[in-house]
Amino acid sequence: MGKYEILIGSAGMLGIISFSTLVFKVFKDRNTESLHWEWLILNIIGQILSFIYGVINGAYGIYITNTIFLIGLFYILYVKVDEKNKNKNKK
């Protein structure tokens, strides 16, 4: 384990803790209206690129953290698409 792995792992865990509150709110309310598509897509792309960087460099803290972020982001994407389809069917 590199000398900076603990630092990046700690930063990642703090990010996951703060992000998990958003995922939990989406899970509880099933409402993503306040989350813009641009934000969601850019975050997914950024996390995928960061994941690839972590894998290439063998930085476990980075790619494990990004995997957790991606699971949350894909869940939010699923809810957002589902919400859009339900709104489309109501019309």
C-alpha atoms as a PDB file:
ATOM      1  CA  MET A   1       0.000   0.000   0.000  1.00  0.00           C
ATOM      2  CA  GLY A   2       1.441   3.357  -1.048  1.00  0.00           C
ATOM      3  CA  LYS A   3       1.922   6.128   1.463  1.00  0.00           C
ATOM      4  CA  TYR A   4      -0.944   8.121  -0.038  1.00  0.00           C
ATOM      5  CA  GLU A   5      -3.431   5.244  -0.225  1.00  0.00           C
ATOM      6  CA  ILE A   6      -4.729   5.911   3.297  1.00  0.00           C
ATOM      7  CA  LEU A   7      -5.161   9.593   2.482  1.00  0.00           C
ATOM      8  CA  ILE A   8      -7.099   8.976  -0.747  1.00  0.00           C
ATOM      9  CA  GLY A   9      -9.086   6.175   0.896  1.00  0.00           C
ATOM     10  CA  SER A  10     -10.091   8.480   3.747  1.00  0.00           C
ATOM     11  CA  ALA A  11     -11.063  11.242   1.335  1.00  0.00           C
ATOM     12  CA  GLY A  12     -13.082   8.730  -0.660  1.00  0.00           C
ATOM     13  CA  MET A  13     -14.905   7.469   2.420  1.00  0.00           C
ATOM     14  CA  LEU A  14     -15.840  11.023   3.419  1.00  0.00           C
ATOM     15  CA  GLY A  15     -17.116  11.604  -0.111  1.00  0.00           C
ATOM     16  CA  ILE A  16     -19.150   8.394   0.031  1.00  0.00           C
ATOM     17  CA  ILE A  17     -20.659   9.358   3.379  1.00  0.00           C
ATOM     18  CA  SER A  18     -21.724  12.767   2.046  1.00  0.00           C
ATOM     19  CA  PHE A  19     -22.974  11.279  -1.253  1.00  0.00           C
ATOM     20  CA  SER A  20     -24.894   8.497   0.496  1.00  0.00           C
ATOM     21  CA  THR A  21     -27.234  11.078   2.031  1.00  0.00           C
ATOM     22  CA  LEU A  22     -28.277  12.104  -1.492  1.00  0.00           C
ATOM     23  CA  VAL A  23     -28.750   8.495  -2.593  1.00  0.00           C
ATOM     24  CA  PHE A  24     -30.788   7.761   0.534  1.00  0.00           C
ATOM     25  CA  LYS A  25     -33.000  10.806  -0.106  1.00  0.00           C
ATOM     26  CA  VAL A  26     -33.614   9.671  -3.691  1.00  0.00           C
ATOM     27  CA  PHE A  27     -34.369   6.148  -2.415  1.00  0.00           C
ATOM     28  CA  LYS A  28     -36.783   7.463   0.215  1.00  0.00           C
ATOM     29  CA  ASP A  29     -38.586  10.100  -1.889  1.00  0.00           C
ATOM     30  CA  ARG A  30     -38.195   8.580  -5.396  1.00  0.00           C
ATOM     31  CA  ASN A  31     -37.818  12.174  -6.602  1.00  0.00           C
ATOM     32  CA  THR A  32     -34.942  13.397  -8.761  1.00  0.00           C
ATOM     33  CA  GLU A  33     -36.449  16.602 -10.162  1.00  0.00           C
ATOM     34  CA  SER A  34     -33.825  18.772  -8.479  1.00  0.00           C
ATOM     35  CA  LEU A  35     -30.981  16.750 -10.038  1.00  0.00           C
ATOM     36  CA  HIS A  36     -30.128  17.869 -13.559  1.00  0.00           C
ATOM     37  CA  TRP A  37     -29.285  15.405 -16.310  1.00  0.00           C
ATOM     38  CA  GLU A  38     -26.032  17.270 -17.002  1.00  0.00           C
ATOM     39  CA  TRP A  39     -24.888  16.842 -13.395  1.00  0.00           C
ATOM     40  CA  LEU A  40     -25.709  13.155 -13.447  1.00  0.00           C
ATOM     41  CA  ILE A  41     -24.049  12.375 -16.794  1.00  0.00           C
ATOM     42  CA  LEU A  42     -20.908  14.398 -16.003  1.00  0.00           C
ATOM     43  CA  ASN A  43     -20.574  12.683 -12.623  1.00  0.00           C
ATOM     44  CA  ILE A  44     -20.930   9.247 -14.191  1.00  0.00           C
ATOM     45  CA  ILE A  45     -18.288  10.053 -16.823  1.00  0.00           C
ATOM     46  CA  GLY A  46     -15.942  11.527 -14.203  1.00  0.00           C
ATOM     47  CA  GLN A  47     -16.307   8.519 -11.907  1.00  0.00           C
ATOM     48  CA  ILE A  48     -15.712   6.083 -14.783  1.00  0.00           C
ATOM     49  CA  LEU A  49     -12.541   7.939 -15.810  1.00  0.00           C
ATOM     50  CA  SER A  50     -11.346   8.044 -12.212  1.00  0.00           C
ATOM     51  CA  PHE A  51     -12.122   4.319 -11.850  1.00  0.00           C
ATOM     52  CA  ILE A  52     -10.031   3.566 -14.952  1.00  0.00           C
ATOM     53  CA  TYR A  53      -7.173   5.652 -13.551  1.00  0.00           C
ATOM     54  CA  GLY A  54      -7.346   3.735 -10.274  1.00  0.00           C
ATOM     55  CA  VAL A  55      -7.290   0.369 -12.034  1.00  0.00           C
ATOM     56  CA  ILE A  56      -4.383   1.328 -14.315  1.00  0.00           C
ATOM     57  CA  ASN A  57      -2.315   2.589 -11.387  1.00  0.00           C
ATOM     58  CA  GLY A  58      -3.378  -0.120  -8.943  1.00  0.00           C
ATOM     59  CA  ALA A  59      -4.811   2.479  -6.568  1.00  0.00           C
ATOM     60  CA  TYR A  60      -7.301   0.390  -4.604  1.00  0.00           C
ATOM     61  CA  GLY A  61      -8.642   3.361  -2.662  1.00  0.00           C
ATOM     62  CA  ILE A  62      -9.585   5.141  -5.859  1.00  0.00           C
ATOM     63  CA  TYR A  63     -11.263   2.360  -7.767  1.00  0.00           C
ATOM     64  CA  ILE A  64     -13.118   0.900  -4.788  1.00  0.00           C
ATOM     65  CA  THR A  65     -14.438   4.350  -3.894  1.00  0.00           C
ATOM     66  CA  ASN A  66     -15.426   5.040  -7.482  1.00  0.00           C
ATOM     67  CA  THR A  67     -17.208   1.704  -7.742  1.00  0.00           C
ATOM     68  CA  ILE A  68     -19.367   2.672  -4.762  1.00  0.00           C
ATOM     69  CA  PHE A  69     -20.019   6.123  -6.258  1.00  0.00           C
ATOM     70  CA  LEU A  70     -20.972   4.537  -9.591  1.00  0.00           C
ATOM     71  CA  ILE A  71     -23.452   2.186  -7.936  1.00  0.00           C
ATOM     72  CA  GLY A  72     -25.141   5.205  -6.326  1.00  0.00           C
ATOM     73  CA  LEU A  73     -25.051   7.230  -9.546  1.00  0.00           C
ATOM     74  CA  PHE A  74     -26.501   4.383 -11.613  1.00  0.00           C
ATOM     75  CA  TYR A  75     -29.261   3.963  -9.030  1.00  0.00           C
ATOM     76  CA  ILE A  76     -30.078   7.686  -9.301  1.00  0.00           C
ATOM     77  CA  LEU A  77     -30.006   7.356 -13.115  1.00  0.00           C
ATOM     78  CA  TYR A  78     -32.424   4.418 -12.895  1.00  0.00           C
ATOM     79  CA  VAL A  79     -34.820   6.397 -10.691  1.00  0.00           C
ATOM     80  CA  LYS A  80     -34.549   9.453 -12.959  1.00  0.00           C
ATOM     81  CA  VAL A  81     -35.351   7.430 -16.098  1.00  0.00           C
ATOM     82  CA  ASP A  82     -38.189   5.628 -14.303  1.00  0.00           C
ATOM     83  CA  GLU A  83     -39.558   8.970 -13.094  1.00  0.00           C
ATOM     84  CA  LYS A  84     -39.396  10.379 -16.646  1.00  0.00           C
ATOM     85  CA  ASN A  85     -41.224   7.340 -18.071  1.00  0.00           C
ATOM     86  CA  LYS A  86     -43.961   7.601 -15.434  1.00  0.00           C
ATOM     87  CA  ASN A  87     -44.432  11.303 -16.168  1.00  0.00           C
ATOM     88  CA  LYS A  88     -44.563  10.555 -19.906  1.00  0.00           C
ATOM     89  CA  ASN A  89     -47.268   7.897 -19.365  1.00  0.00           C
ATOM     90  CA  LYS A  90     -49.384  10.305 -17.290  1.00  0.00           C
ATOM     91  CA  LYS A  91     -49.707  12.694 -20.240  1.00  0.00           C
END
